[in-house]
Amino acid sequence: MKHGVSGFKLKRNVAARNSLLRGLVTSVIENDFAITTVPKAKAIRPLVDKMITLAKDDTLHSRRQAAAFLRTPASVKKLFDKLGTRFGQRNGGYTRIVRLGWRKGDGAELAKIELMGTELVKRAAERAKRREERLKAVQEGREHEGDGEQEES
């Protein structure tokens, strides 16, 4: 029976395991994804969810709890400023694990753990960038048309 047994040991001692998990969680929050092995991705999923739940509360105490766990102040700032508001209406399930295949060197199965909705955010940013480029091209075209009319006169 598995009473009271939770978490993953990942073949490491306590200090190395905590350091690894803290680094991966910080990476996921800063970059919106991390590529790692499947057991590590499964191990950090509840920790990332806990950090986002803290960000939804957004009190001084929750900020200090997140800062004690995360590695960089930039990740804490992003967590509370962007991710807390982004997942404000969602009740859990903030992450997705996608299996990528086998690593070439040792054959370990790789996985990408990412925050839900990142593809929508990236797509919206790309659309905005394309829209700006189109507007800039149209404005440049109008400026060139105006130059040609003045030369003909």
Protein backbone atom coordinates (compact mmCIF):
# COMPACT_ATOMS: atom_id res chain seq x y z
CA MET A 1 0.00 0.00 0.00
CA LYS A 2 1.08 3.57 -0.68
CA HIS A 3 -0.30 5.31 2.39
CA GLY A 4 1.28 8.71 2.97
CA VAL A 5 3.77 8.28 0.13
CA SER A 6 3.73 11.10 -2.38
CA GLY A 7 6.16 12.80 -4.69
CA PHE A 8 9.08 11.54 -6.72
CA LYS A 9 12.60 10.77 -5.48
CA LEU A 10 14.22 11.05 -8.93
CA LYS A 11 17.29 9.11 -7.68
CA ARG A 12 18.60 12.14 -5.79
CA ASN A 13 19.12 13.10 -2.18
CA VAL A 14 16.82 15.69 -0.61
CA ALA A 15 18.97 18.77 -1.28
CA ALA A 16 19.69 17.89 -4.91
CA ARG A 17 16.05 17.04 -5.54
CA ASN A 18 14.78 20.28 -4.02
CA SER A 19 17.31 22.30 -6.00
CA LEU A 20 16.35 20.55 -9.24
CA LEU A 21 12.63 21.05 -8.69
CA ARG A 22 13.00 24.70 -7.72
CA GLY A 23 15.08 25.38 -10.83
CA LEU A 24 12.63 23.65 -13.14
CA VAL A 25 9.61 25.43 -11.64
CA THR A 26 11.40 28.77 -12.01
CA SER A 27 12.20 27.93 -15.63
CA VAL A 28 8.58 27.03 -16.40
CA ILE A 29 7.33 30.28 -14.90
CA GLU A 30 9.93 32.44 -16.68
CA ASN A 31 9.70 30.79 -20.13
CA ASP A 32 6.14 29.34 -20.04
CA PHE A 33 7.61 25.89 -20.76
CA ALA A 34 10.50 23.54 -19.99
CA ILE A 35 11.77 20.46 -21.80
CA THR A 36 12.81 17.70 -19.42
CA THR A 37 12.23 14.00 -18.78
CA VAL A 38 8.74 12.66 -18.13
CA PRO A 39 9.26 11.84 -14.40
CA LYS A 40 10.68 15.31 -13.74
CA ALA A 41 7.77 16.92 -15.60
CA LYS A 42 5.31 14.90 -13.53
CA ALA A 43 7.15 15.88 -10.35
CA ILE A 44 7.06 19.64 -11.02
CA ARG A 45 3.45 19.81 -12.22
CA PRO A 46 1.90 20.10 -8.71
CA LEU A 47 4.56 22.61 -7.69
CA VAL A 48 3.85 24.89 -10.67
CA ASP A 49 0.13 24.62 -9.93
CA LYS A 50 0.78 25.60 -6.31
CA MET A 51 2.79 28.66 -7.36
CA ILE A 52 0.01 29.83 -9.70
CA THR A 53 -2.55 29.30 -6.95
CA LEU A 54 -0.42 31.51 -4.68
CA ALA A 55 -0.31 34.15 -7.43
CA LYS A 56 -4.10 34.19 -7.69
CA ASP A 57 -4.29 35.14 -4.00
CA ASP A 58 -1.75 38.01 -4.42
CA THR A 59 -1.12 38.93 -0.80
CA LEU A 60 2.17 39.89 0.78
CA HIS A 61 2.32 36.50 2.49
CA SER A 62 1.79 34.60 -0.77
CA ARG A 63 4.45 36.75 -2.49
CA ARG A 64 6.93 35.89 0.24
CA GLN A 65 6.08 32.18 0.02
CA ALA A 66 6.64 32.23 -3.75
CA ALA A 67 9.86 34.23 -3.39
CA ALA A 68 11.15 31.68 -0.88
CA PHE A 69 10.67 28.90 -3.44
CA LEU A 70 11.47 30.52 -6.79
CA ARG A 71 15.04 31.36 -7.77
CA THR A 72 14.78 34.81 -9.34
CA PRO A 73 12.88 37.98 -8.45
CA ALA A 74 11.91 38.33 -12.13
CA SER A 75 10.05 35.01 -11.97
CA VAL A 76 8.14 36.15 -8.87
CA LYS A 77 7.22 39.40 -10.60
CA LYS A 78 6.00 37.60 -13.73
CA LEU A 79 4.10 35.06 -11.63
CA PHE A 80 2.10 37.68 -9.78
CA ASP A 81 1.77 40.33 -12.50
CA LYS A 82 0.97 38.17 -15.53
CA LEU A 83 0.19 34.57 -14.61
CA GLY A 84 -2.00 35.31 -11.59
CA THR A 85 -4.32 37.45 -13.68
CA ARG A 86 -4.15 35.12 -16.69
CA PHE A 87 -5.35 32.12 -14.66
CA GLY A 88 -7.64 34.11 -12.34
CA GLN A 89 -10.84 32.45 -13.58
CA ARG A 90 -9.39 28.95 -13.91
CA ASN A 91 -9.71 26.39 -11.11
CA GLY A 92 -6.61 24.28 -11.63
CA GLY A 93 -5.12 22.43 -14.57
CA TYR A 94 -2.64 25.18 -15.36
CA THR A 95 -0.05 22.92 -17.00
CA ARG A 96 0.12 20.43 -19.84
CA ILE A 97 2.70 17.67 -20.35
CA VAL A 98 3.42 16.75 -23.98
CA ARG A 99 5.67 13.77 -24.67
CA LEU A 100 8.31 14.57 -27.28
CA GLY A 101 10.06 11.26 -27.90
CA TRP A 102 13.31 9.69 -26.86
CA ARG A 103 16.56 11.52 -26.10
CA LYS A 104 19.36 10.56 -28.45
CA GLY A 105 22.13 10.18 -25.88
CA ASP A 106 20.62 7.92 -23.22
CA GLY A 107 17.17 7.04 -24.55
CA ALA A 108 15.29 8.87 -21.81
CA GLU A 109 11.75 9.89 -22.73
CA LEU A 110 11.51 13.66 -23.06
CA ALA A 111 8.48 15.79 -22.28
CA LYS A 112 7.58 19.44 -22.60
CA ILE A 113 5.71 20.88 -19.64
CA GLU A 114 4.00 24.11 -20.58
CA LEU A 115 1.46 26.49 -19.16
CA MET A 116 -2.01 26.25 -20.64
CA GLY A 117 -2.89 28.99 -23.08
CA THR A 118 0.69 29.82 -24.06
CA GLU A 119 -0.01 28.92 -27.67
CA LEU A 120 -2.91 31.39 -27.67
CA VAL A 121 -0.73 34.15 -26.23
CA LYS A 122 2.03 33.45 -28.78
CA ARG A 123 -0.48 33.36 -31.64
CA ALA A 124 -2.01 36.68 -30.55
CA ALA A 125 1.45 38.27 -30.35
CA GLU A 126 2.32 37.00 -33.83
CA ARG A 127 -0.98 38.34 -35.22
CA ALA A 128 -0.33 41.75 -33.64
CA LYS A 129 3.18 41.81 -35.11
CA ARG A 130 1.91 40.94 -38.60
CA ARG A 131 -0.82 43.59 -38.30
CA GLU A 132 1.75 46.25 -37.39
CA GLU A 133 3.93 45.23 -40.34
CA ARG A 134 0.96 45.48 -42.73
CA LEU A 135 0.01 48.92 -41.40
CA LYS A 136 3.61 50.10 -41.72
CA ALA A 137 3.78 48.82 -45.31
CA VAL A 138 0.50 50.54 -46.19
CA GLN A 139 1.68 53.83 -44.66
CA GLU A 140 5.00 53.63 -46.52
CA GLY A 141 3.11 52.94 -49.74
CA ARG A 142 0.94 56.02 -49.20
CA GLU A 143 3.99 58.15 -48.52
CA HIS A 144 5.62 56.97 -51.76
CA GLU A 145 2.41 57.65 -53.70
CA GLY A 146 2.38 61.21 -52.37
CA ASP A 147 6.01 61.68 -53.46
CA GLY A 148 5.23 60.54 -56.99
CA GLU A 149 2.30 62.96 -57.35
CA GLN A 150 4.46 65.90 -56.27
CA GLU A 151 7.19 65.00 -58.79
CA GLU A 152 4.71 64.88 -61.65
CA SER A 153 3.35 68.39 -60.94
